[in-house]
Amino acid sequence: MSHEHVSNTKRIWFVFALLSVVTTVEVILGILKPESLELTHFVGLNLLNWIFYILTIFKAYYIVWAFMHMEGEKSNLRWSVVSPVIFLVLYLLFILLTEGHYIYGVFKDSTIKWNFLT
């Protein structure tokens, strides 16, 4: 049996370009911090943070999809890899929002100051 070698150069460049564009958008948004996105809140966070989370999850999913060759696998295997990650990300986001809100409340309503140096 002989296996034919298929060049994936075009695909590699496409993945590189796509991930570069998403990263560039993240960096530009991080530098500019548009007030319309920063001052608008949705479910406890401003829209700019939600955009960062969504773009980061997209990049992570696409890296797994492209470089770990998940697109060629059966649906059951893909879901067995992706579903624990989705659960973990949602769980960590829940902990982040819950604990962040608690810590904010502690510093806001007490005599403890935000500036730890004084």
Protein backbone atom coordinates (compact mmCIF):
# COMPACT_ATOMS: atom_id res chain seq x y z
CA MET A 1 0.00 0.00 0.00
CA SER A 2 1.35 3.35 -0.97
CA HIS A 3 0.15 6.52 0.64
CA GLU A 4 0.02 9.63 -1.43
CA HIS A 5 1.60 12.68 0.16
CA VAL A 6 -0.75 15.65 0.13
CA SER A 7 0.68 19.11 0.61
CA ASN A 8 -1.16 21.19 3.18
CA THR A 9 0.78 24.38 2.55
CA LYS A 10 -2.31 26.33 1.47
CA ARG A 11 -4.24 25.17 4.53
CA ILE A 12 -1.37 26.02 6.88
CA TRP A 13 -1.17 29.55 5.48
CA PHE A 14 -4.95 29.94 5.81
CA VAL A 15 -4.85 28.88 9.47
CA PHE A 16 -1.89 31.20 10.08
CA ALA A 17 -3.70 34.13 8.44
CA LEU A 18 -6.96 33.50 10.28
CA LEU A 19 -5.31 33.22 13.70
CA SER A 20 -3.14 36.27 12.94
CA VAL A 21 -6.20 38.36 12.05
CA VAL A 22 -8.02 37.33 15.23
CA THR A 23 -4.93 38.08 17.34
CA THR A 24 -4.48 41.45 15.62
CA VAL A 25 -8.11 42.35 16.35
CA GLU A 26 -7.57 41.41 20.01
CA VAL A 27 -4.41 43.53 20.25
CA ILE A 28 -6.03 46.54 18.56
CA LEU A 29 -9.07 46.33 20.83
CA GLY A 30 -6.75 45.98 23.84
CA ILE A 31 -4.82 49.10 22.86
CA LEU A 32 -7.75 51.28 21.81
CA LYS A 33 -10.30 50.08 24.42
CA PRO A 34 -13.36 51.65 22.74
CA GLU A 35 -15.56 53.35 25.33
CA SER A 36 -18.73 52.02 23.72
CA LEU A 37 -17.56 48.46 24.44
CA GLU A 38 -15.95 49.21 27.76
CA LEU A 39 -18.89 51.07 29.31
CA THR A 40 -21.62 48.70 28.11
CA HIS A 41 -22.17 45.84 30.53
CA PHE A 42 -23.67 42.43 29.85
CA VAL A 43 -24.01 39.68 32.49
CA GLY A 44 -21.58 41.30 34.91
CA LEU A 45 -18.81 42.12 32.42
CA ASN A 46 -18.27 44.83 29.87
CA LEU A 47 -18.65 43.92 26.21
CA LEU A 48 -14.92 44.32 25.57
CA ASN A 49 -14.13 41.49 27.99
CA TRP A 50 -16.82 39.31 26.40
CA ILE A 51 -15.25 39.92 22.98
CA PHE A 52 -11.84 38.91 24.35
CA TYR A 53 -13.29 35.71 25.86
CA ILE A 54 -15.12 34.78 22.67
CA LEU A 55 -12.13 35.44 20.40
CA THR A 56 -9.82 33.49 22.72
CA ILE A 57 -12.17 30.51 22.82
CA PHE A 58 -12.48 30.68 19.03
CA LYS A 59 -8.70 30.62 18.65
CA ALA A 60 -8.32 27.72 21.08
CA TYR A 61 -11.04 25.73 19.33
CA TYR A 62 -9.59 26.42 15.89
CA ILE A 63 -6.09 25.42 17.00
CA VAL A 64 -7.46 22.10 18.27
CA TRP A 65 -9.55 21.71 15.11
CA ALA A 66 -6.66 22.42 12.71
CA PHE A 67 -3.46 21.29 14.40
CA MET A 68 -4.79 18.30 16.32
CA HIS A 69 -6.63 17.12 13.19
CA MET A 70 -10.02 16.99 14.88
CA GLU A 71 -11.84 17.85 11.65
CA GLY A 72 -11.11 14.38 10.32
CA GLU A 73 -12.37 12.52 13.38
CA LYS A 74 -15.80 11.11 14.06
CA SER A 75 -18.37 13.28 15.77
CA ASN A 76 -18.35 11.24 18.99
CA LEU A 77 -14.62 11.70 19.47
CA ARG A 78 -14.84 15.41 18.74
CA TRP A 79 -17.59 15.82 21.35
CA SER A 80 -15.71 13.73 23.90
CA VAL A 81 -12.79 16.16 23.59
CA VAL A 82 -14.75 19.41 23.29
CA SER A 83 -17.50 18.93 25.88
CA PRO A 84 -15.21 18.67 28.95
CA VAL A 85 -13.39 21.79 27.78
CA ILE A 86 -16.66 23.68 27.36
CA PHE A 87 -17.73 22.60 30.86
CA LEU A 88 -14.35 23.60 32.33
CA VAL A 89 -14.38 27.03 30.67
CA LEU A 90 -17.91 27.74 31.87
CA TYR A 91 -17.03 26.55 35.38
CA LEU A 92 -13.91 28.72 35.53
CA LEU A 93 -15.85 31.70 34.21
CA PHE A 94 -18.47 31.15 36.93
CA ILE A 95 -15.77 31.04 39.61
CA LEU A 96 -14.09 34.13 38.18
CA LEU A 97 -17.31 36.15 38.17
CA THR A 98 -18.49 34.93 41.58
CA GLU A 99 -15.21 35.44 43.42
CA GLY A 100 -14.47 38.70 41.62
CA HIS A 101 -17.84 40.09 42.68
CA TYR A 102 -17.25 38.95 46.28
CA ILE A 103 -13.79 40.53 46.46
CA TYR A 104 -15.11 43.74 44.92
CA GLY A 105 -17.83 43.85 47.57
CA VAL A 106 -15.33 43.28 50.38
CA PHE A 107 -13.10 46.14 49.25
CA LYS A 108 -16.01 48.46 48.39
CA ASP A 109 -17.92 48.14 51.66
CA SER A 110 -15.07 47.88 54.17
CA THR A 111 -12.26 49.95 55.53
CA ILE A 112 -9.72 47.94 53.55
CA LYS A 113 -8.31 50.14 50.81
CA TRP A 114 -7.72 49.27 47.17
CA ASN A 115 -4.17 50.56 47.39
CA PHE A 116 -2.21 47.83 49.14
CA LEU A 117 0.95 49.93 49.39
CA THR A 118 -0.37 52.41 51.97
